[in-house]
Amino acid sequence: MNLKYGTDAELIPSADGVFEVEVDGVLVFSKKALDRFPEDDEIFREIDARF
């Protein structure tokens, strides 16, 4: 994250296998909603497309 966007990512522990990625409060990826883990570079592609 730091090399590509100049900022750090923060891991917030949760329960029940939830894995979600938010940028400035905007949901970018949700394992819970999609019932799968992201593919390689999927999170970066989503961030690039939205911001």
C-alpha atoms as a PDB file:
ATOM      1  CA  MET A   1       0.000   0.000   0.000  1.00  0.00           C
ATOM      2  CA  ASN A   2       2.720   2.410   0.931  1.00  0.00           C
ATOM      3  CA  LEU A   3       4.729   1.924  -2.256  1.00  0.00           C
ATOM      4  CA  LYS A   4       1.715   2.147  -4.574  1.00  0.00           C
ATOM      5  CA  TYR A   5      -0.425   4.779  -2.808  1.00  0.00           C
ATOM      6  CA  GLY A   6       1.879   6.449  -0.294  1.00  0.00           C
ATOM      7  CA  THR A   7      -0.174   5.386   2.706  1.00  0.00           C
ATOM      8  CA  ASP A   8      -0.256   2.519   5.168  1.00  0.00           C
ATOM      9  CA  ALA A   9      -2.992  -0.067   5.586  1.00  0.00           C
ATOM     10  CA  GLU A  10      -4.498  -0.764   8.990  1.00  0.00           C
ATOM     11  CA  LEU A  11      -5.574  -4.243  10.035  1.00  0.00           C
ATOM     12  CA  ILE A  12      -8.598  -4.240  12.319  1.00  0.00           C
ATOM     13  CA  PRO A  13      -9.211  -7.681  13.856  1.00  0.00           C
ATOM     14  CA  SER A  14     -12.732  -9.046  13.534  1.00  0.00           C
ATOM     15  CA  ALA A  15     -14.649 -12.256  14.053  1.00  0.00           C
ATOM     16  CA  ASP A  16     -16.381 -14.831  11.868  1.00  0.00           C
ATOM     17  CA  GLY A  17     -13.867 -14.679   8.993  1.00  0.00           C
ATOM     18  CA  VAL A  18     -14.917 -11.207   7.874  1.00  0.00           C
ATOM     19  CA  PHE A  19     -12.420  -9.629   5.483  1.00  0.00           C
ATOM     20  CA  GLU A  20     -13.371  -6.187   4.226  1.00  0.00           C
ATOM     21  CA  VAL A  21     -11.334  -3.408   2.660  1.00  0.00           C
ATOM     22  CA  GLU A  22     -12.418   0.208   2.991  1.00  0.00           C
ATOM     23  CA  VAL A  23     -10.829   3.374   1.647  1.00  0.00           C
ATOM     24  CA  ASP A  24     -11.933   6.583   3.357  1.00  0.00           C
ATOM     25  CA  GLY A  25     -15.056   4.797   4.605  1.00  0.00           C
ATOM     26  CA  VAL A  26     -15.961   3.404   1.162  1.00  0.00           C
ATOM     27  CA  LEU A  27     -16.231  -0.390   0.960  1.00  0.00           C
ATOM     28  CA  VAL A  28     -13.911  -1.652  -1.784  1.00  0.00           C
ATOM     29  CA  PHE A  29     -14.033  -5.414  -1.152  1.00  0.00           C
ATOM     30  CA  SER A  30     -16.093  -7.665   1.109  1.00  0.00           C
ATOM     31  CA  LYS A  31     -15.374 -11.362   1.529  1.00  0.00           C
ATOM     32  CA  LYS A  32     -18.603 -11.588   3.507  1.00  0.00           C
ATOM     33  CA  ALA A  33     -20.697 -10.208   0.634  1.00  0.00           C
ATOM     34  CA  LEU A  34     -18.908 -12.153  -2.124  1.00  0.00           C
ATOM     35  CA  ASP A  35     -18.212 -15.323  -0.084  1.00  0.00           C
ATOM     36  CA  ARG A  36     -14.644 -15.510  -1.418  1.00  0.00           C
ATOM     37  CA  PHE A  37     -11.196 -14.038  -0.946  1.00  0.00           C
ATOM     38  CA  PRO A  38      -9.983 -11.450  -3.464  1.00  0.00           C
ATOM     39  CA  GLU A  39      -8.034 -12.525  -6.521  1.00  0.00           C
ATOM     40  CA  ASP A  40      -4.445 -11.346  -7.075  1.00  0.00           C
ATOM     41  CA  ASP A  41      -4.386  -7.534  -7.408  1.00  0.00           C
ATOM     42  CA  GLU A  42      -8.216  -7.341  -7.227  1.00  0.00           C
ATOM     43  CA  ILE A  43      -8.154  -4.873  -4.347  1.00  0.00           C
ATOM     44  CA  PHE A  44      -5.652  -2.635  -6.137  1.00  0.00           C
ATOM     45  CA  ARG A  45      -7.797  -2.724  -9.304  1.00  0.00           C
ATOM     46  CA  GLU A  46     -10.895  -1.750  -7.329  1.00  0.00           C
ATOM     47  CA  ILE A  47      -9.087   1.118  -5.608  1.00  0.00           C
ATOM     48  CA  ASP A  48      -7.695   2.375  -8.928  1.00  0.00           C
ATOM     49  CA  ALA A  49     -11.134   2.221 -10.572  1.00  0.00           C
ATOM     50  CA  ARG A  50     -12.890   4.110  -7.779  1.00  0.00           C
ATOM     51  CA  PHE A  51     -10.385   6.747  -6.685  1.00  0.00           C
END
